Amino acid sequence: MSAPSQALVLLAHGSSDPRWGEPLRALEAALAGRAAGLTVLLAALKGGETLEAALGRAAALGVSRTLVVPIFLSGGGHLLRDVPALVARAAARHPELEVRCASTLGEQPEVVEAMALACLRLLAAL
């Protein structure tokens, strides 16, 4: 079996409550097997595996390209300051990886549309 060529690192805020990761694990499962040569890793700012540890795992798996996807609804302090600094620091420790960071998932048009549909479904269920 060959090494994965690329990885998605799903980066969330995290929490001390272990249940915070359930939706992220569901997303990880939904992505499993959808693209050849892809591995999906989870990371958190707190209460989970760090971004640096996730990138270390990607490097250990032989991944060459990694996209960090912030699983946030919108930008803010973490996305403006913390995440870029974490990505830069972690990428510097793993020069064998090409590491890029996407904009927040909540700012993607198809995600906004899915949330709108979910809100309407919830309203209809009242």
C-alpha atoms as a PDB file:
ATOM      1  CA  MET A   1       0.000   0.000   0.000  1.00  0.00           C
ATOM      2  CA  SER A   2       1.459   3.377  -0.955  1.00  0.00           C
ATOM      3  CA  ALA A   3       1.725   6.369   1.357  1.00  0.00           C
ATOM      4  CA  PRO A   4      -1.005   9.019   1.154  1.00  0.00           C
ATOM      5  CA  SER A   5       0.100  11.936  -1.004  1.00  0.00           C
ATOM      6  CA  GLN A   6      -1.994  14.588   0.703  1.00  0.00           C
ATOM      7  CA  ALA A   7      -3.728  15.273   3.973  1.00  0.00           C
ATOM      8  CA  LEU A   8      -6.533  17.401   5.258  1.00  0.00           C
ATOM      9  CA  VAL A   9      -6.006  18.612   8.802  1.00  0.00           C
ATOM     10  CA  LEU A  10      -9.360  19.617  10.242  1.00  0.00           C
ATOM     11  CA  LEU A  11      -8.518  22.278  12.829  1.00  0.00           C
ATOM     12  CA  ALA A  12     -11.153  23.146  15.415  1.00  0.00           C
ATOM     13  CA  HIS A  13     -11.189  25.317  18.510  1.00  0.00           C
ATOM     14  CA  GLY A  14     -11.660  22.347  20.838  1.00  0.00           C
ATOM     15  CA  SER A  15     -12.817  22.235  24.433  1.00  0.00           C
ATOM     16  CA  SER A  16     -12.072  20.522  27.713  1.00  0.00           C
ATOM     17  CA  ASP A  17     -15.334  18.584  27.224  1.00  0.00           C
ATOM     18  CA  PRO A  18     -14.453  15.535  25.103  1.00  0.00           C
ATOM     19  CA  ARG A  19     -17.811  15.655  23.296  1.00  0.00           C
ATOM     20  CA  TRP A  20     -16.646  18.678  21.297  1.00  0.00           C
ATOM     21  CA  GLY A  21     -14.905  16.347  18.828  1.00  0.00           C
ATOM     22  CA  GLU A  22     -17.967  14.291  17.863  1.00  0.00           C
ATOM     23  CA  PRO A  23     -18.969  16.458  14.850  1.00  0.00           C
ATOM     24  CA  LEU A  24     -15.341  16.570  13.718  1.00  0.00           C
ATOM     25  CA  ARG A  25     -15.070  12.779  13.879  1.00  0.00           C
ATOM     26  CA  ALA A  26     -18.309  12.559  11.858  1.00  0.00           C
ATOM     27  CA  LEU A  27     -16.779  14.847   9.220  1.00  0.00           C
ATOM     28  CA  GLU A  28     -13.605  12.760   9.245  1.00  0.00           C
ATOM     29  CA  ALA A  29     -15.698   9.622   8.648  1.00  0.00           C
ATOM     30  CA  ALA A  30     -17.671  11.322   5.875  1.00  0.00           C
ATOM     31  CA  LEU A  31     -14.400  12.190   4.107  1.00  0.00           C
ATOM     32  CA  ALA A  32     -12.920   8.698   4.473  1.00  0.00           C
ATOM     33  CA  GLY A  33     -12.327   7.054   1.124  1.00  0.00           C
ATOM     34  CA  ARG A  34     -13.643   9.970  -0.955  1.00  0.00           C
ATOM     35  CA  ALA A  35     -10.279  10.812  -2.545  1.00  0.00           C
ATOM     36  CA  ALA A  36      -7.422   8.504  -3.434  1.00  0.00           C
ATOM     37  CA  GLY A  37      -4.210   9.186  -1.544  1.00  0.00           C
ATOM     38  CA  LEU A  38      -5.935  11.339   1.091  1.00  0.00           C
ATOM     39  CA  THR A  39      -5.612  11.043   4.837  1.00  0.00           C
ATOM     40  CA  VAL A  40      -7.703  13.118   7.244  1.00  0.00           C
ATOM     41  CA  LEU A  41      -6.298  14.252  10.584  1.00  0.00           C
ATOM     42  CA  LEU A  42      -7.950  16.143  13.433  1.00  0.00           C
ATOM     43  CA  ALA A  43      -6.365  18.945  15.443  1.00  0.00           C
ATOM     44  CA  ALA A  44      -7.542  21.487  17.995  1.00  0.00           C
ATOM     45  CA  LEU A  45      -6.393  24.702  19.586  1.00  0.00           C
ATOM     46  CA  LYS A  46      -7.225  23.105  22.950  1.00  0.00           C
ATOM     47  CA  GLY A  47      -8.501  19.781  24.237  1.00  0.00           C
ATOM     48  CA  GLY A  48      -7.179  17.628  21.409  1.00  0.00           C
ATOM     49  CA  GLU A  49      -4.163  16.825  19.287  1.00  0.00           C
ATOM     50  CA  THR A  50      -2.194  19.961  18.440  1.00  0.00           C
ATOM     51  CA  LEU A  51      -1.692  21.174  14.896  1.00  0.00           C
ATOM     52  CA  GLU A  52       2.018  20.464  15.205  1.00  0.00           C
ATOM     53  CA  ALA A  53       1.334  16.876  16.304  1.00  0.00           C
ATOM     54  CA  ALA A  54      -1.112  16.365  13.418  1.00  0.00           C
ATOM     55  CA  LEU A  55       1.455  17.657  10.919  1.00  0.00           C
ATOM     56  CA  GLY A  56       4.034  15.377  12.516  1.00  0.00           C
ATOM     57  CA  ARG A  57       1.708  12.423  11.913  1.00  0.00           C
ATOM     58  CA  ALA A  58       1.195  13.534   8.317  1.00  0.00           C
ATOM     59  CA  ALA A  59       4.958  13.679   7.800  1.00  0.00           C
ATOM     60  CA  ALA A  60       5.389  10.257   9.409  1.00  0.00           C
ATOM     61  CA  LEU A  61       2.806   8.854   6.994  1.00  0.00           C
ATOM     62  CA  GLY A  62       4.823  10.171   4.054  1.00  0.00           C
ATOM     63  CA  VAL A  63       2.351  12.877   3.049  1.00  0.00           C
ATOM     64  CA  SER A  64       3.769  15.564   0.778  1.00  0.00           C
ATOM     65  CA  ARG A  65       0.958  18.149   0.722  1.00  0.00           C
ATOM     66  CA  THR A  66      -1.248  19.226   3.611  1.00  0.00           C
ATOM     67  CA  LEU A  67      -4.209  21.574   3.728  1.00  0.00           C
ATOM     68  CA  VAL A  68      -5.241  22.903   7.139  1.00  0.00           C
ATOM     69  CA  VAL A  69      -8.975  23.583   7.130  1.00  0.00           C
ATOM     70  CA  PRO A  70     -10.169  25.725  10.050  1.00  0.00           C
ATOM     71  CA  ILE A  71     -13.511  24.289  11.136  1.00  0.00           C
ATOM     72  CA  PHE A  72     -14.863  27.641  12.310  1.00  0.00           C
ATOM     73  CA  LEU A  73     -18.002  29.470  11.207  1.00  0.00           C
ATOM     74  CA  SER A  74     -16.232  32.791  10.812  1.00  0.00           C
ATOM     75  CA  GLY A  75     -12.938  34.548  11.237  1.00  0.00           C
ATOM     76  CA  GLY A  76     -11.880  36.370  14.362  1.00  0.00           C
ATOM     77  CA  GLY A  77      -8.933  36.612  16.711  1.00  0.00           C
ATOM     78  CA  HIS A  78      -8.014  32.950  16.456  1.00  0.00           C
ATOM     79  CA  LEU A  79      -8.185  33.000  12.664  1.00  0.00           C
ATOM     80  CA  LEU A  80      -6.450  36.344  12.254  1.00  0.00           C
ATOM     81  CA  ARG A  81      -3.586  35.794  14.708  1.00  0.00           C
ATOM     82  CA  ASP A  82      -3.403  32.377  16.338  1.00  0.00           C
ATOM     83  CA  VAL A  83      -3.998  30.016  13.423  1.00  0.00           C
ATOM     84  CA  PRO A  84      -1.577  31.670  10.954  1.00  0.00           C
ATOM     85  CA  ALA A  85       1.140  31.693  13.636  1.00  0.00           C
ATOM     86  CA  LEU A  86       0.475  28.039  14.542  1.00  0.00           C
ATOM     87  CA  VAL A  87       0.512  26.979  10.894  1.00  0.00           C
ATOM     88  CA  ALA A  88       3.755  28.858  10.204  1.00  0.00           C
ATOM     89  CA  ARG A  89       5.458  27.451  13.307  1.00  0.00           C
ATOM     90  CA  ALA A  90       4.296  23.880  12.652  1.00  0.00           C
ATOM     91  CA  ALA A  91       5.185  24.068   8.952  1.00  0.00           C
ATOM     92  CA  ALA A  92       8.685  25.287   9.827  1.00  0.00           C
ATOM     93  CA  ARG A  93       9.154  22.192  11.995  1.00  0.00           C
ATOM     94  CA  HIS A  94       8.113  19.961   9.080  1.00  0.00           C
ATOM     95  CA  PRO A  95       9.904  21.334   5.998  1.00  0.00           C
ATOM     96  CA  GLU A  96       9.239  18.084   4.134  1.00  0.00           C
ATOM     97  CA  LEU A  97       5.549  19.055   3.975  1.00  0.00           C
ATOM     98  CA  GLU A  98       3.931  21.620   1.748  1.00  0.00           C
ATOM     99  CA  VAL A  99       1.464  23.181   4.214  1.00  0.00           C
ATOM    100  CA  ARG A 100      -1.308  25.573   3.244  1.00  0.00           C
ATOM    101  CA  CYS A 101      -4.223  26.946   5.202  1.00  0.00           C
ATOM    102  CA  ALA A 102      -7.728  27.411   3.801  1.00  0.00           C
ATOM    103  CA  SER A 103     -10.225  30.047   4.838  1.00  0.00           C
ATOM    104  CA  THR A 104     -12.770  29.045   7.460  1.00  0.00           C
ATOM    105  CA  LEU A 105     -15.197  26.317   6.504  1.00  0.00           C
ATOM    106  CA  GLY A 106     -18.169  28.457   7.535  1.00  0.00           C
ATOM    107  CA  GLU A 107     -17.284  31.038   4.894  1.00  0.00           C
ATOM    108  CA  GLN A 108     -17.593  28.542   2.029  1.00  0.00           C
ATOM    109  CA  PRO A 109     -20.761  29.227  -0.028  1.00  0.00           C
ATOM    110  CA  GLU A 110     -21.870  25.582  -0.052  1.00  0.00           C
ATOM    111  CA  VAL A 111     -21.540  25.422   3.736  1.00  0.00           C
ATOM    112  CA  VAL A 112     -23.641  28.568   4.150  1.00  0.00           C
ATOM    113  CA  GLU A 113     -26.259  27.017   1.849  1.00  0.00           C
ATOM    114  CA  ALA A 114     -26.249  23.750   3.824  1.00  0.00           C
ATOM    115  CA  MET A 115     -26.685  25.668   7.085  1.00  0.00           C
ATOM    116  CA  ALA A 116     -29.595  27.659   5.599  1.00  0.00           C
ATOM    117  CA  LEU A 117     -31.305  24.437   4.534  1.00  0.00           C
ATOM    118  CA  ALA A 118     -30.735  22.909   7.974  1.00  0.00           C
ATOM    119  CA  CYS A 119     -32.254  25.994   9.650  1.00  0.00           C
ATOM    120  CA  LEU A 120     -35.327  25.749   7.426  1.00  0.00           C
ATOM    121  CA  ARG A 121     -35.650  22.031   8.185  1.00  0.00           C
ATOM    122  CA  LEU A 122     -35.447  22.755  11.921  1.00  0.00           C
ATOM    123  CA  LEU A 123     -38.074  25.475  11.576  1.00  0.00           C
ATOM    124  CA  ALA A 124     -40.393  23.151   9.667  1.00  0.00           C
ATOM    125  CA  ALA A 125     -40.073  20.570  12.439  1.00  0.00           C
ATOM    126  CA  LEU A 126     -41.560  22.959  15.045  1.00  0.00           C
END
